[in-house]
Amino acid sequence: MSPLQAFEEFDEDNSGTLDKAELKEAIYEKLRVQDITNREFEILWSSLDTDQSGSVDYHEFVRKLEQYGVKNLSKEEFILYQLAKAAARAKMTMASLFEMIDKKGRGYISK
């Protein structure tokens, strides 16, 4: 799972940010981490919410992960991921998406 996929999975209300409750749910329920104390959670929250806005946006989330060597998607991977997500929302297969882009029917997509 990429950082983007994790962030989107944790962002229950699709607000584009994580609040404390969403992060807590992600840690305890989705990641099944059971041995983190409330104090440790507060330290983690403070280190993620760098602007102290009360929420963590994607950039804050990724910045923290990168400190621990977790790499984000490359620009190309991110674009492909967004295309796949859009296709899924539109209930399209990747093949039908490809055919839609390949207007000349050549079997490949040029720049």
PDB file of N, CA and C in Angstrom:
ATOM      1  N   MET A   1       0.847  -1.170   0.000  1.00  0.00           N
ATOM      2  CA  MET A   1       0.000   0.000   0.000  1.00  0.00           C
ATOM      3  C   MET A   1       0.898   1.240   0.000  1.00  0.00           C
ATOM      4  N   SER A   2       0.613   2.166  -0.867  1.00  0.00           N
ATOM      5  CA  SER A   2       1.388   3.399  -0.939  1.00  0.00           C
ATOM      6  C   SER A   2       0.921   4.372   0.145  1.00  0.00           C
ATOM      7  N   PRO A   3       1.728   5.390   0.449  1.00  0.00           N
ATOM      8  CA  PRO A   3       1.274   6.409   1.397  1.00  0.00           C
ATOM      9  C   PRO A   3      -0.048   7.052   0.978  1.00  0.00           C
ATOM     10  N   LEU A   4      -0.227   7.286  -0.307  1.00  0.00           N
ATOM     11  CA  LEU A   4      -1.474   7.886  -0.784  1.00  0.00           C
ATOM     12  C   LEU A   4      -2.656   6.961  -0.515  1.00  0.00           C
ATOM     13  N   GLN A   5      -2.489   5.680  -0.804  1.00  0.00           N
ATOM     14  CA  GLN A   5      -3.565   4.730  -0.555  1.00  0.00           C
ATOM     15  C   GLN A   5      -3.878   4.648   0.940  1.00  0.00           C
ATOM     16  N   ALA A   6      -2.833   4.643   1.767  1.00  0.00           N
ATOM     17  CA  ALA A   6      -3.040   4.597   3.223  1.00  0.00           C
ATOM     18  C   ALA A   6      -3.790   5.840   3.678  1.00  0.00           C
ATOM     19  N   PHE A   7      -3.355   7.008   3.226  1.00  0.00           N
ATOM     20  CA  PHE A   7      -4.003   8.249   3.625  1.00  0.00           C
ATOM     21  C   PHE A   7      -5.479   8.233   3.246  1.00  0.00           C
ATOM     22  N   GLU A   8      -5.765   7.822   2.025  1.00  0.00           N
ATOM     23  CA  GLU A   8      -7.157   7.785   1.572  1.00  0.00           C
ATOM     24  C   GLU A   8      -7.974   6.771   2.369  1.00  0.00           C
ATOM     25  N   GLU A   9      -7.356   5.659   2.723  1.00  0.00           N
ATOM     26  CA  GLU A   9      -8.044   4.650   3.533  1.00  0.00           C
ATOM     27  C   GLU A   9      -8.329   5.184   4.937  1.00  0.00           C
ATOM     28  N   PHE A  10      -7.411   5.939   5.491  1.00  0.00           N
ATOM     29  CA  PHE A  10      -7.565   6.473   6.842  1.00  0.00           C
ATOM     30  C   PHE A  10      -8.544   7.646   6.888  1.00  0.00           C
ATOM     31  N   ASP A  11      -8.664   8.377   5.784  1.00  0.00           N
ATOM     32  CA  ASP A  11      -9.520   9.567   5.716  1.00  0.00           C
ATOM     33  C   ASP A  11     -10.983   9.145   5.540  1.00  0.00           C
ATOM     34  N   GLU A  12     -11.601   8.739   6.634  1.00  0.00           N
ATOM     35  CA  GLU A  12     -12.954   8.177   6.610  1.00  0.00           C
ATOM     36  C   GLU A  12     -13.995   9.107   5.992  1.00  0.00           C
ATOM     37  N   ASP A  13     -13.916  10.410   6.264  1.00  0.00           N
ATOM     38  CA  ASP A  13     -14.937  11.335   5.774  1.00  0.00           C
ATOM     39  C   ASP A  13     -14.569  11.976   4.436  1.00  0.00           C
ATOM     40  N   ASN A  14     -13.462  11.516   3.835  1.00  0.00           N
ATOM     41  CA  ASN A  14     -13.009  12.032   2.530  1.00  0.00           C
ATOM     42  C   ASN A  14     -12.843  13.542   2.521  1.00  0.00           C
ATOM     43  N   SER A  15     -12.387  14.092   3.648  1.00  0.00           N
ATOM     44  CA  SER A  15     -12.208  15.541   3.754  1.00  0.00           C
ATOM     45  C   SER A  15     -10.873  16.006   3.204  1.00  0.00           C
ATOM     46  N   GLY A  16      -9.968  15.072   2.938  1.00  0.00           N
ATOM     47  CA  GLY A  16      -8.627  15.451   2.486  1.00  0.00           C
ATOM     48  C   GLY A  16      -7.681  15.705   3.643  1.00  0.00           C
ATOM     49  N   THR A  17      -8.181  15.517   4.859  1.00  0.00           N
ATOM     50  CA  THR A  17      -7.343  15.647   6.053  1.00  0.00           C
ATOM     51  C   THR A  17      -7.725  14.541   7.036  1.00  0.00           C
ATOM     52  N   LEU A  18      -6.801  14.270   7.955  1.00  0.00           N
ATOM     53  CA  LEU A  18      -7.075  13.324   9.031  1.00  0.00           C
ATOM     54  C   LEU A  18      -7.253  14.099  10.317  1.00  0.00           C
ATOM     55  N   ASP A  19      -8.298  13.778  11.055  1.00  0.00           N
ATOM     56  CA  ASP A  19      -8.417  14.349  12.398  1.00  0.00           C
ATOM     57  C   ASP A  19      -7.935  13.294  13.389  1.00  0.00           C
ATOM     58  N   LYS A  20      -7.891  13.641  14.659  1.00  0.00           N
ATOM     59  CA  LYS A  20      -7.378  12.722  15.673  1.00  0.00           C
ATOM     60  C   LYS A  20      -8.153  11.410  15.703  1.00  0.00           C
ATOM     61  N   ALA A  21      -9.459  11.501  15.594  1.00  0.00           N
ATOM     62  CA  ALA A  21     -10.290  10.295  15.664  1.00  0.00           C
ATOM     63  C   ALA A  21      -9.986   9.354  14.491  1.00  0.00           C
ATOM     64  N   GLU A  22      -9.819   9.920  13.300  1.00  0.00           N
ATOM     65  CA  GLU A  22      -9.508   9.088  12.133  1.00  0.00           C
ATOM     66  C   GLU A  22      -8.145   8.421  12.287  1.00  0.00           C
ATOM     67  N   LEU A  23      -7.164   9.176  12.775  1.00  0.00           N
ATOM     68  CA  LEU A  23      -5.836   8.595  12.962  1.00  0.00           C
ATOM     69  C   LEU A  23      -5.867   7.505  14.030  1.00  0.00           C
ATOM     70  N   LYS A  24      -6.585   7.765  15.106  1.00  0.00           N
ATOM     71  CA  LYS A  24      -6.686   6.777  16.186  1.00  0.00           C
ATOM     72  C   LYS A  24      -7.343   5.495  15.659  1.00  0.00           C
ATOM     73  N   GLU A  25      -8.421   5.645  14.911  1.00  0.00           N
ATOM     74  CA  GLU A  25      -9.095   4.485  14.316  1.00  0.00           C
ATOM     75  C   GLU A  25      -8.150   3.742  13.379  1.00  0.00           C
ATOM     76  N   ALA A  26      -7.391   4.483  12.575  1.00  0.00           N
ATOM     77  CA  ALA A  26      -6.454   3.854  11.641  1.00  0.00           C
ATOM     78  C   ALA A  26      -5.412   3.036  12.395  1.00  0.00           C
ATOM     79  N   ILE A  27      -4.888   3.593  13.464  1.00  0.00           N
ATOM     80  CA  ILE A  27      -3.838   2.906  14.218  1.00  0.00           C
ATOM     81  C   ILE A  27      -4.383   1.666  14.916  1.00  0.00           C
ATOM     82  N   TYR A  28      -5.477   1.830  15.644  1.00  0.00           N
ATOM     83  CA  TYR A  28      -5.994   0.718  16.451  1.00  0.00           C
ATOM     84  C   TYR A  28      -6.774  -0.322  15.636  1.00  0.00           C
ATOM     85  N   GLU A  29      -7.596   0.136  14.698  1.00  0.00           N
ATOM     86  CA  GLU A  29      -8.481  -0.785  13.990  1.00  0.00           C
ATOM     87  C   GLU A  29      -7.914  -1.275  12.659  1.00  0.00           C
ATOM     88  N   LYS A  30      -7.398  -0.360  11.862  1.00  0.00           N
ATOM     89  CA  LYS A  30      -6.934  -0.755  10.528  1.00  0.00           C
ATOM     90  C   LYS A  30      -5.529  -1.335  10.561  1.00  0.00           C
ATOM     91  N   LEU A  31      -4.639  -0.718  11.339  1.00  0.00           N
ATOM     92  CA  LEU A  31      -3.269  -1.225  11.440  1.00  0.00           C
ATOM     93  C   LEU A  31      -3.119  -2.244  12.569  1.00  0.00           C
ATOM     94  N   ARG A  32      -4.135  -2.287  13.434  1.00  0.00           N
ATOM     95  CA  ARG A  32      -4.175  -3.224  14.568  1.00  0.00           C
ATOM     96  C   ARG A  32      -2.974  -3.088  15.500  1.00  0.00           C
ATOM     97  N   VAL A  33      -2.547  -1.862  15.724  1.00  0.00           N
ATOM     98  CA  VAL A  33      -1.498  -1.586  16.703  1.00  0.00           C
ATOM     99  C   VAL A  33      -2.190  -1.454  18.053  1.00  0.00           C
ATOM    100  N   GLN A  34      -1.872  -2.315  18.982  1.00  0.00           N
ATOM    101  CA  GLN A  34      -2.562  -2.318  20.266  1.00  0.00           C
ATOM    102  C   GLN A  34      -1.696  -1.815  21.415  1.00  0.00           C
ATOM    103  N   ASP A  35      -0.389  -1.715  21.207  1.00  0.00           N
ATOM    104  CA  ASP A  35       0.489  -1.397  22.326  1.00  0.00           C
ATOM    105  C   ASP A  35       0.950   0.060  22.356  1.00  0.00           C
ATOM    106  N   ILE A  36       0.180   0.957  21.763  1.00  0.00           N
ATOM    107  CA  ILE A  36       0.528   2.382  21.802  1.00  0.00           C
ATOM    108  C   ILE A  36      -0.287   3.041  22.929  1.00  0.00           C
ATOM    109  N   THR A  37       0.405   3.750  23.798  1.00  0.00           N
ATOM    110  CA  THR A  37      -0.279   4.416  24.908  1.00  0.00           C
ATOM    111  C   THR A  37      -0.891   5.733  24.429  1.00  0.00           C
ATOM    112  N   ASN A  38      -1.773   6.306  25.237  1.00  0.00           N
ATOM    113  CA  ASN A  38      -2.358   7.609  24.897  1.00  0.00           C
ATOM    114  C   ASN A  38      -1.277   8.667  24.773  1.00  0.00           C
ATOM    115  N   ARG A  39      -0.299   8.629  25.660  1.00  0.00           N
ATOM    116  CA  ARG A  39       0.807   9.598  25.599  1.00  0.00           C
ATOM    117  C   ARG A  39       1.593   9.449  24.300  1.00  0.00           C
ATOM    118  N   GLU A  40       1.872   8.206  23.899  1.00  0.00           N
ATOM    119  CA  GLU A  40       2.586   7.959  22.641  1.00  0.00           C
ATOM    120  C   GLU A  40       1.752   8.425  21.450  1.00  0.00           C
ATOM    121  N   PHE A  41       0.446   8.199  21.518  1.00  0.00           N
ATOM    122  CA  PHE A  41      -0.424   8.670  20.442  1.00  0.00           C
ATOM    123  C   PHE A  41      -0.363  10.195  20.347  1.00  0.00           C
ATOM    124  N   GLU A  42      -0.411  10.889  21.469  1.00  0.00           N
ATOM    125  CA  GLU A  42      -0.350  12.356  21.469  1.00  0.00           C
ATOM    126  C   GLU A  42       0.975  12.852  20.899  1.00  0.00           C
ATOM    127  N   ILE A  43       2.058  12.163  21.212  1.00  0.00           N
ATOM    128  CA  ILE A  43       3.371  12.527  20.656  1.00  0.00           C
ATOM    129  C   ILE A  43       3.351  12.330  19.140  1.00  0.00           C
ATOM    130  N   LEU A  44       2.814  11.203  18.706  1.00  0.00           N
ATOM    131  CA  LEU A  44       2.702  10.938  17.269  1.00  0.00           C
ATOM    132  C   LEU A  44       1.853  12.009  16.597  1.00  0.00           C
ATOM    133  N   TRP A  45       0.703  12.325  17.186  1.00  0.00           N
ATOM    134  CA  TRP A  45      -0.184  13.341  16.614  1.00  0.00           C
ATOM    135  C   TRP A  45       0.541  14.681  16.488  1.00  0.00           C
ATOM    136  N   SER A  46       1.231  15.080  17.541  1.00  0.00           N
ATOM    137  CA  SER A  46       1.959  16.359  17.514  1.00  0.00           C
ATOM    138  C   SER A  46       3.027  16.377  16.437  1.00  0.00           C
ATOM    139  N   SER A  47       3.670  15.239  16.229  1.00  0.00           N
ATOM    140  CA  SER A  47       4.721  15.197  15.210  1.00  0.00           C
ATOM    141  C   SER A  47       4.146  15.190  13.794  1.00  0.00           C
ATOM    142  N   LEU A  48       2.913  14.722  13.633  1.00  0.00           N
ATOM    143  CA  LEU A  48       2.269  14.741  12.316  1.00  0.00           C
ATOM    144  C   LEU A  48       1.639  16.095  12.015  1.00  0.00           C
ATOM    145  N   ASP A  49       0.948  16.659  12.977  1.00  0.00           N
ATOM    146  CA  ASP A  49       0.229  17.929  12.799  1.00  0.00           C
ATOM    147  C   ASP A  49       1.215  19.085  12.985  1.00  0.00           C
ATOM    148  N   THR A  50       2.113  19.227  12.030  1.00  0.00           N
ATOM    149  CA  THR A  50       3.211  20.189  12.163  1.00  0.00           C
ATOM    150  C   THR A  50       2.748  21.640  12.216  1.00  0.00           C
ATOM    151  N   ASP A  51       1.631  21.955  11.568  1.00  0.00           N
ATOM    152  CA  ASP A  51       1.147  23.340  11.606  1.00  0.00           C
ATOM    153  C   ASP A  51       0.158  23.568  12.752  1.00  0.00           C
ATOM    154  N   GLN A  52      -0.065  22.534  13.542  1.00  0.00           N
ATOM    155  CA  GLN A  52      -0.951  22.586  14.710  1.00  0.00           C
ATOM    156  C   GLN A  52      -2.348  23.105  14.359  1.00  0.00           C
ATOM    157  N   SER A  53      -2.852  22.640  13.223  1.00  0.00           N
ATOM    158  CA  SER A  53      -4.182  23.055  12.763  1.00  0.00           C
ATOM    159  C   SER A  53      -5.296  22.184  13.337  1.00  0.00           C
ATOM    160  N   GLY A  54      -4.925  21.080  13.962  1.00  0.00           N
ATOM    161  CA  GLY A  54      -5.937  20.155  14.458  1.00  0.00           C
ATOM    162  C   GLY A  54      -6.281  19.078  13.451  1.00  0.00           C
ATOM    163  N   SER A  55      -5.633  19.119  12.302  1.00  0.00           N
ATOM    164  CA  SER A  55      -5.812  18.077  11.295  1.00  0.00           C
ATOM    165  C   SER A  55      -4.488  17.865  10.563  1.00  0.00           C
ATOM    166  N   VAL A  56      -4.373  16.707   9.950  1.00  0.00           N
ATOM    167  CA  VAL A  56      -3.157  16.360   9.215  1.00  0.00           C
ATOM    168  C   VAL A  56      -3.510  16.239   7.747  1.00  0.00           C
ATOM    169  N   ASP A  57      -2.869  17.055   6.916  1.00  0.00           N
ATOM    170  CA  ASP A  57      -3.124  16.939   5.483  1.00  0.00           C
ATOM    171  C   ASP A  57      -2.150  15.921   4.881  1.00  0.00           C
ATOM    172  N   TYR A  58      -2.342  15.638   3.619  1.00  0.00           N
ATOM    173  CA  TYR A  58      -1.533  14.613   2.951  1.00  0.00           C
ATOM    174  C   TYR A  58      -0.046  14.939   2.999  1.00  0.00           C
ATOM    175  N   HIS A  59       0.306  16.205   2.815  1.00  0.00           N
ATOM    176  CA  HIS A  59       1.727  16.578   2.793  1.00  0.00           C
ATOM    177  C   HIS A  59       2.372  16.379   4.161  1.00  0.00           C
ATOM    178  N   GLU A  60       1.672  16.701   5.216  1.00  0.00           N
ATOM    179  CA  GLU A  60       2.198  16.457   6.567  1.00  0.00           C
ATOM    180  C   GLU A  60       2.384  14.953   6.791  1.00  0.00           C
ATOM    181  N   PHE A  61       1.410  14.181   6.354  1.00  0.00           N
ATOM    182  CA  PHE A  61       1.435  12.728   6.502  1.00  0.00           C
ATOM    183  C   PHE A  61       2.644  12.137   5.780  1.00  0.00           C
ATOM    184  N   VAL A  62       2.839  12.523   4.529  1.00  0.00           N
ATOM    185  CA  VAL A  62       3.940  11.997   3.721  1.00  0.00           C
ATOM    186  C   VAL A  62       5.283  12.446   4.274  1.00  0.00           C
ATOM    187  N   ARG A  63       5.366  13.708   4.688  1.00  0.00           N
ATOM    188  CA  ARG A  63       6.623  14.215   5.247  1.00  0.00           C
ATOM    189  C   ARG A  63       7.092  13.344   6.401  1.00  0.00           C
ATOM    190  N   LYS A  64       6.182  12.956   7.269  1.00  0.00           N
ATOM    191  CA  LYS A  64       6.533  12.126   8.418  1.00  0.00           C
ATOM    192  C   LYS A  64       6.983  10.737   7.966  1.00  0.00           C
ATOM    193  N   LEU A  65       6.267  10.158   7.029  1.00  0.00           N
ATOM    194  CA  LEU A  65       6.641   8.836   6.540  1.00  0.00           C
ATOM    195  C   LEU A  65       8.008   8.848   5.861  1.00  0.00           C
ATOM    196  N   GLU A  66       8.297   9.906   5.117  1.00  0.00           N
ATOM    197  CA  GLU A  66       9.585   9.998   4.436  1.00  0.00           C
ATOM    198  C   GLU A  66      10.745  10.063   5.420  1.00  0.00           C
ATOM    199  N   GLN A  67      10.510  10.607   6.615  1.00  0.00           N
ATOM    200  CA  GLN A  67      11.543  10.640   7.646  1.00  0.00           C
ATOM    201  C   GLN A  67      11.960   9.228   8.048  1.00  0.00           C
ATOM    202  N   TYR A  68      11.052   8.282   7.869  1.00  0.00           N
ATOM    203  CA  TYR A  68      11.328   6.889   8.224  1.00  0.00           C
ATOM    204  C   TYR A  68      11.620   6.025   7.004  1.00  0.00           C
ATOM    205  N   GLY A  69      11.884   6.664   5.870  1.00  0.00           N
ATOM    206  CA  GLY A  69      12.299   5.939   4.676  1.00  0.00           C
ATOM    207  C   GLY A  69      11.178   5.387   3.819  1.00  0.00           C
ATOM    208  N   VAL A  70       9.928   5.729   4.137  1.00  0.00           N
ATOM    209  CA  VAL A  70       8.801   5.271   3.314  1.00  0.00           C
ATOM    210  C   VAL A  70       8.705   6.199   2.115  1.00  0.00           C
ATOM    211  N   LYS A  71       8.756   5.626   0.946  1.00  0.00           N
ATOM    212  CA  LYS A  71       8.734   6.437  -0.263  1.00  0.00           C
ATOM    213  C   LYS A  71       7.318   6.589  -0.784  1.00  0.00           C
ATOM    214  N   ASN A  72       7.066   7.756  -1.325  1.00  0.00           N
ATOM    215  CA  ASN A  72       5.781   8.051  -1.942  1.00  0.00           C
ATOM    216  C   ASN A  72       5.813   7.600  -3.398  1.00  0.00           C
ATOM    217  N   LEU A  73       4.667   7.614  -4.031  1.00  0.00           N
ATOM    218  CA  LEU A  73       4.596   7.287  -5.450  1.00  0.00           C
ATOM    219  C   LEU A  73       5.365   8.320  -6.263  1.00  0.00           C
ATOM    220  N   SER A  74       6.001   7.869  -7.345  1.00  0.00           N
ATOM    221  CA  SER A  74       6.611   8.814  -8.276  1.00  0.00           C
ATOM    222  C   SER A  74       5.487   9.575  -8.968  1.00  0.00           C
ATOM    223  N   LYS A  75       5.835  10.624  -9.678  1.00  0.00           N
ATOM    224  CA  LYS A  75       4.821  11.413 -10.375  1.00  0.00           C
ATOM    225  C   LYS A  75       4.042  10.550 -11.374  1.00  0.00           C
ATOM    226  N   GLU A  76       4.762   9.686 -12.093  1.00  0.00           N
ATOM    227  CA  GLU A  76       4.116   8.823 -13.074  1.00  0.00           C
ATOM    228  C   GLU A  76       3.195   7.809 -12.389  1.00  0.00           C
ATOM    229  N   GLU A  77       3.670   7.204 -11.283  1.00  0.00           N
ATOM    230  CA  GLU A  77       2.846   6.248 -10.554  1.00  0.00           C
ATOM    231  C   GLU A  77       1.593   6.929 -10.008  1.00  0.00           C
ATOM    232  N   PHE A  78       1.753   8.157  -9.520  1.00  0.00           N
ATOM    233  CA  PHE A  78       0.626   8.900  -8.979  1.00  0.00           C
ATOM    234  C   PHE A  78      -0.425   9.150 -10.059  1.00  0.00           C
ATOM    235  N   ILE A  79       0.008   9.527 -11.255  1.00  0.00           N
ATOM    236  CA  ILE A  79      -0.915   9.778 -12.366  1.00  0.00           C
ATOM    237  C   ILE A  79      -1.655   8.492 -12.734  1.00  0.00           C
ATOM    238  N   LEU A  80      -0.929   7.387 -12.833  1.00  0.00           N
ATOM    239  CA  LEU A  80      -1.565   6.109 -13.155  1.00  0.00           C
ATOM    240  C   LEU A  80      -2.551   5.682 -12.069  1.00  0.00           C
ATOM    241  N   TYR A  81      -2.170   5.908 -10.824  1.00  0.00           N
ATOM    242  CA  TYR A  81      -3.060   5.572  -9.718  1.00  0.00           C
ATOM    243  C   TYR A  81      -4.345   6.398  -9.806  1.00  0.00           C
ATOM    244  N   GLN A  82      -4.222   7.690 -10.091  1.00  0.00           N
ATOM    245  CA  GLN A  82      -5.392   8.548 -10.208  1.00  0.00           C
ATOM    246  C   GLN A  82      -6.275   8.122 -11.385  1.00  0.00           C
ATOM    247  N   LEU A  83      -5.652   7.733 -12.489  1.00  0.00           N
ATOM    248  CA  LEU A  83      -6.424   7.234 -13.637  1.00  0.00           C
ATOM    249  C   LEU A  83      -7.187   5.964 -13.277  1.00  0.00           C
ATOM    250  N   ALA A  84      -6.516   5.044 -12.584  1.00  0.00           N
ATOM    251  CA  ALA A  84      -7.167   3.798 -12.188  1.00  0.00           C
ATOM    252  C   ALA A  84      -8.326   4.070 -11.238  1.00  0.00           C
ATOM    253  N   LYS A  85      -8.129   5.016 -10.312  1.00  0.00           N
ATOM    254  CA  LYS A  85      -9.196   5.377  -9.381  1.00  0.00           C
ATOM    255  C   LYS A  85     -10.390   5.986 -10.115  1.00  0.00           C
ATOM    256  N   ALA A  86     -10.097   6.875 -11.064  1.00  0.00           N
ATOM    257  CA  ALA A  86     -11.169   7.514 -11.837  1.00  0.00           C
ATOM    258  C   ALA A  86     -11.923   6.474 -12.654  1.00  0.00           C
ATOM    259  N   ALA A  87     -11.203   5.531 -13.230  1.00  0.00           N
ATOM    260  CA  ALA A  87     -11.843   4.468 -14.004  1.00  0.00           C
ATOM    261  C   ALA A  87     -12.753   3.638 -13.101  1.00  0.00           C
ATOM    262  N   ALA A  88     -12.278   3.311 -11.924  1.00  0.00           N
ATOM    263  CA  ALA A  88     -13.088   2.514 -10.990  1.00  0.00           C
ATOM    264  C   ALA A  88     -14.341   3.271 -10.581  1.00  0.00           C
ATOM    265  N   ARG A  89     -14.212   4.587 -10.322  1.00  0.00           N
ATOM    266  CA  ARG A  89     -15.384   5.394  -9.952  1.00  0.00           C
ATOM    267  C   ARG A  89     -16.401   5.426 -11.087  1.00  0.00           C
ATOM    268  N   ALA A  90     -15.894   5.449 -12.316  1.00  0.00           N
ATOM    269  CA  ALA A  90     -16.773   5.489 -13.487  1.00  0.00           C
ATOM    270  C   ALA A  90     -17.228   4.082 -13.895  1.00  0.00           C
ATOM    271  N   LYS A  91     -16.831   3.083 -13.119  1.00  0.00           N
ATOM    272  CA  LYS A  91     -17.168   1.685 -13.390  1.00  0.00           C
ATOM    273  C   LYS A  91     -16.662   1.246 -14.763  1.00  0.00           C
ATOM    274  N   MET A  92     -15.443   1.709 -15.086  1.00  0.00           N
ATOM    275  CA  MET A  92     -14.796   1.345 -16.344  1.00  0.00           C
ATOM    276  C   MET A  92     -13.665   0.371 -16.041  1.00  0.00           C
ATOM    277  N   THR A  93     -13.400  -0.513 -16.976  1.00  0.00           N
ATOM    278  CA  THR A  93     -12.213  -1.359 -16.851  1.00  0.00           C
ATOM    279  C   THR A  93     -11.022  -0.554 -17.352  1.00  0.00           C
ATOM    280  N   MET A  94      -9.841  -1.009 -16.983  1.00  0.00           N
ATOM    281  CA  MET A  94      -8.643  -0.331 -17.492  1.00  0.00           C
ATOM    282  C   MET A  94      -8.569  -0.478 -19.015  1.00  0.00           C
ATOM    283  N   ALA A  95      -9.040  -1.608 -19.541  1.00  0.00           N
ATOM    284  CA  ALA A  95      -9.037  -1.820 -20.989  1.00  0.00           C
ATOM    285  C   ALA A  95      -9.932  -0.801 -21.688  1.00  0.00           C
ATOM    286  N   SER A  96     -11.114  -0.554 -21.133  1.00  0.00           N
ATOM    287  CA  SER A  96     -12.008   0.414 -21.778  1.00  0.00           C
ATOM    288  C   SER A  96     -11.462   1.832 -21.647  1.00  0.00           C
ATOM    289  N   LEU A  97     -10.786   2.126 -20.539  1.00  0.00           N
ATOM    290  CA  LEU A  97     -10.128   3.425 -20.393  1.00  0.00           C
ATOM    291  C   LEU A  97      -9.042   3.582 -21.456  1.00  0.00           C
ATOM    292  N   PHE A  98      -8.244   2.536 -21.633  1.00  0.00           N
ATOM    293  CA  PHE A  98      -7.187   2.570 -22.643  1.00  0.00           C
ATOM    294  C   PHE A  98      -7.776   2.803 -24.027  1.00  0.00           C
ATOM    295  N   GLU A  99      -8.846   2.067 -24.343  1.00  0.00           N
ATOM    296  CA  GLU A  99      -9.489   2.220 -25.656  1.00  0.00           C
ATOM    297  C   GLU A  99     -10.016   3.633 -25.849  1.00  0.00           C
ATOM    298  N   MET A 100     -10.518   4.230 -24.783  1.00  0.00           N
ATOM    299  CA  MET A 100     -11.031   5.590 -24.876  1.00  0.00           C
ATOM    300  C   MET A 100      -9.892   6.570 -25.201  1.00  0.00           C
ATOM    301  N   ILE A 101      -8.711   6.348 -24.628  1.00  0.00           N
ATOM    302  CA  ILE A 101      -7.572   7.237 -24.865  1.00  0.00           C
ATOM    303  C   ILE A 101      -6.942   6.955 -26.234  1.00  0.00           C
ATOM    304  N   ASP A 102      -6.901   5.688 -26.624  1.00  0.00           N
ATOM    305  CA  ASP A 102      -6.314   5.261 -27.905  1.00  0.00           C
ATOM    306  C   ASP A 102      -7.324   5.486 -29.027  1.00  0.00           C
ATOM    307  N   LYS A 103      -7.562   6.755 -29.333  1.00  0.00           N
ATOM    308  CA  LYS A 103      -8.610   7.125 -30.290  1.00  0.00           C
ATOM    309  C   LYS A 103      -8.389   6.543 -31.684  1.00  0.00           C
ATOM    310  N   LYS A 104      -7.123   6.348 -32.061  1.00  0.00           N
ATOM    311  CA  LYS A 104      -6.840   5.817 -33.407  1.00  0.00           C
ATOM    312  C   LYS A 104      -6.834   4.293 -33.437  1.00  0.00           C
ATOM    313  N   GLY A 105      -7.017   3.642 -32.293  1.00  0.00           N
ATOM    314  CA  GLY A 105      -7.094   2.195 -32.251  1.00  0.00           C
ATOM    315  C   GLY A 105      -5.798   1.487 -32.614  1.00  0.00           C
ATOM    316  N   ARG A 106      -4.658   2.100 -32.298  1.00  0.00           N
ATOM    317  CA  ARG A 106      -3.368   1.521 -32.681  1.00  0.00           C
ATOM    318  C   ARG A 106      -2.862   0.505 -31.675  1.00  0.00           C
ATOM    319  N   GLY A 107      -3.438   0.469 -30.489  1.00  0.00           N
ATOM    320  CA  GLY A 107      -2.956  -0.475 -29.478  1.00  0.00           C
ATOM    321  C   GLY A 107      -1.860   0.091 -28.598  1.00  0.00           C
ATOM    322  N   TYR A 108      -1.547   1.363 -28.776  1.00  0.00           N
ATOM    323  CA  TYR A 108      -0.574   2.040 -27.928  1.00  0.00           C
ATOM    324  C   TYR A 108      -0.956   3.507 -27.863  1.00  0.00           C
ATOM    325  N   ILE A 109      -0.427   4.178 -26.865  1.00  0.00           N
ATOM    326  CA  ILE A 109      -0.732   5.605 -26.665  1.00  0.00           C
ATOM    327  C   ILE A 109       0.558   6.377 -26.843  1.00  0.00           C
ATOM    328  N   SER A 110       0.523   7.327 -27.737  1.00  0.00           N
ATOM    329  CA  SER A 110       1.714   8.171 -27.932  1.00  0.00           C
ATOM    330  C   SER A 110       1.695   9.333 -26.943  1.00  0.00           C
ATOM    331  N   LYS A 111       2.814  10.013 -26.845  1.00  0.00           N
ATOM    332  CA  LYS A 111       2.882  11.180 -25.952  1.00  0.00           C
ATOM    333  C   LYS A 111       1.832  12.182 -26.324  1.00  0.00           C
TER     334      LYS A 111
END
